[in-house]
Amino acid sequence: MKRIQCGQLVPGCTFKAQAETDEDVLLMEARHAREAHGIEVTPRFIDRAKTRITEVNPEGQQARG
């Protein structure tokens, strides 16, 4: 399971996206960033977001590794 926390891209935001794949998490984050923050989702934004994706276990806790 993959997760991204918007607050790592937009300080103060508490939105979290969680899905099975990096692509699905990125789509959720991009939609949120555009709708909630008015951010233009550029390739640079996506590249930054990719570095913030973490692996979580089924209970939603960050996986150790």
C-alpha atoms as a PDB file:
ATOM      1  CA  MET A   1       0.000   0.000   0.000  1.00  0.00           C
ATOM      2  CA  LYS A   2       1.305   3.466  -0.927  1.00  0.00           C
ATOM      3  CA  ARG A   3       0.672   6.781   0.837  1.00  0.00           C
ATOM      4  CA  ILE A   4       1.432  10.439   0.306  1.00  0.00           C
ATOM      5  CA  GLN A   5       0.820  13.223   2.800  1.00  0.00           C
ATOM      6  CA  CYS A   6       0.039  16.551   1.171  1.00  0.00           C
ATOM      7  CA  GLY A   7       1.564  18.419   4.104  1.00  0.00           C
ATOM      8  CA  GLN A   8       4.972  17.345   2.838  1.00  0.00           C
ATOM      9  CA  LEU A   9       4.280  19.355  -0.318  1.00  0.00           C
ATOM     10  CA  VAL A  10       1.967  22.047   1.056  1.00  0.00           C
ATOM     11  CA  PRO A  11       2.850  22.898   4.667  1.00  0.00           C
ATOM     12  CA  GLY A  12      -0.095  22.723   7.027  1.00  0.00           C
ATOM     13  CA  CYS A  13      -2.270  20.492   4.850  1.00  0.00           C
ATOM     14  CA  THR A  14      -3.561  17.328   6.543  1.00  0.00           C
ATOM     15  CA  PHE A  15      -4.777  15.497   3.412  1.00  0.00           C
ATOM     16  CA  LYS A  16      -3.433  11.967   2.955  1.00  0.00           C
ATOM     17  CA  ALA A  17      -3.894   9.788  -0.113  1.00  0.00           C
ATOM     18  CA  GLN A  18      -3.524   6.024   0.114  1.00  0.00           C
ATOM     19  CA  ALA A  19      -3.811   3.484  -2.694  1.00  0.00           C
ATOM     20  CA  GLU A  20      -2.292   0.297  -4.054  1.00  0.00           C
ATOM     21  CA  THR A  21      -0.007   1.949  -6.616  1.00  0.00           C
ATOM     22  CA  ASP A  22       2.223   4.989  -6.937  1.00  0.00           C
ATOM     23  CA  GLU A  23       0.199   6.083  -9.952  1.00  0.00           C
ATOM     24  CA  ASP A  24      -3.108   6.024  -8.063  1.00  0.00           C
ATOM     25  CA  VAL A  25      -1.638   7.950  -5.127  1.00  0.00           C
ATOM     26  CA  LEU A  26      -0.194  10.549  -7.498  1.00  0.00           C
ATOM     27  CA  LEU A  27      -3.544  10.976  -9.261  1.00  0.00           C
ATOM     28  CA  MET A  28      -5.291  11.506  -5.921  1.00  0.00           C
ATOM     29  CA  GLU A  29      -2.660  14.007  -4.763  1.00  0.00           C
ATOM     30  CA  ALA A  30      -2.720  15.883  -8.070  1.00  0.00           C
ATOM     31  CA  ARG A  31      -6.510  16.225  -7.970  1.00  0.00           C
ATOM     32  CA  HIS A  32      -6.379  17.382  -4.340  1.00  0.00           C
ATOM     33  CA  ALA A  33      -3.554  19.878  -4.998  1.00  0.00           C
ATOM     34  CA  ARG A  34      -5.441  21.365  -7.936  1.00  0.00           C
ATOM     35  CA  GLU A  35      -8.849  21.545  -6.227  1.00  0.00           C
ATOM     36  CA  ALA A  36      -7.871  22.419  -2.646  1.00  0.00           C
ATOM     37  CA  HIS A  37      -4.775  24.546  -3.217  1.00  0.00           C
ATOM     38  CA  GLY A  38      -5.126  25.848  -6.781  1.00  0.00           C
ATOM     39  CA  ILE A  39      -1.764  24.324  -7.685  1.00  0.00           C
ATOM     40  CA  GLU A  40      -0.921  23.840 -11.338  1.00  0.00           C
ATOM     41  CA  VAL A  41       0.114  20.208 -11.533  1.00  0.00           C
ATOM     42  CA  THR A  42       3.294  20.277 -13.596  1.00  0.00           C
ATOM     43  CA  PRO A  43       5.868  17.548 -14.279  1.00  0.00           C
ATOM     44  CA  ARG A  44       8.049  19.203 -11.618  1.00  0.00           C
ATOM     45  CA  PHE A  45       5.240  18.943  -9.048  1.00  0.00           C
ATOM     46  CA  ILE A  46       4.760  15.261  -9.913  1.00  0.00           C
ATOM     47  CA  ASP A  47       8.509  14.634  -9.584  1.00  0.00           C
ATOM     48  CA  ARG A  48       8.481  16.240  -6.116  1.00  0.00           C
ATOM     49  CA  ALA A  49       5.411  14.250  -5.119  1.00  0.00           C
ATOM     50  CA  LYS A  50       6.986  10.956  -6.226  1.00  0.00           C
ATOM     51  CA  THR A  51       9.783  11.463  -3.706  1.00  0.00           C
ATOM     52  CA  ARG A  52       7.210  11.813  -0.890  1.00  0.00           C
ATOM     53  CA  ILE A  53       5.446   8.465  -1.473  1.00  0.00           C
ATOM     54  CA  THR A  54       5.901   5.962   1.344  1.00  0.00           C
ATOM     55  CA  GLU A  55       5.046   2.297   1.743  1.00  0.00           C
ATOM     56  CA  VAL A  56       2.538   1.491   4.492  1.00  0.00           C
ATOM     57  CA  ASN A  57       1.319  -1.799   5.882  1.00  0.00           C
ATOM     58  CA  PRO A  58      -2.369  -2.806   5.719  1.00  0.00           C
ATOM     59  CA  GLU A  59      -3.079  -1.134   9.088  1.00  0.00           C
ATOM     60  CA  GLY A  60      -1.937   2.195   7.640  1.00  0.00           C
ATOM     61  CA  GLN A  61       1.346   2.349   9.542  1.00  0.00           C
ATOM     62  CA  GLN A  62       4.531   3.297   7.727  1.00  0.00           C
ATOM     63  CA  ALA A  63       6.443   0.152   6.844  1.00  0.00           C
ATOM     64  CA  ARG A  64       9.885  -0.309   8.314  1.00  0.00           C
ATOM     65  CA  GLY A  65      12.639  -0.910   5.913  1.00  0.00           C
END
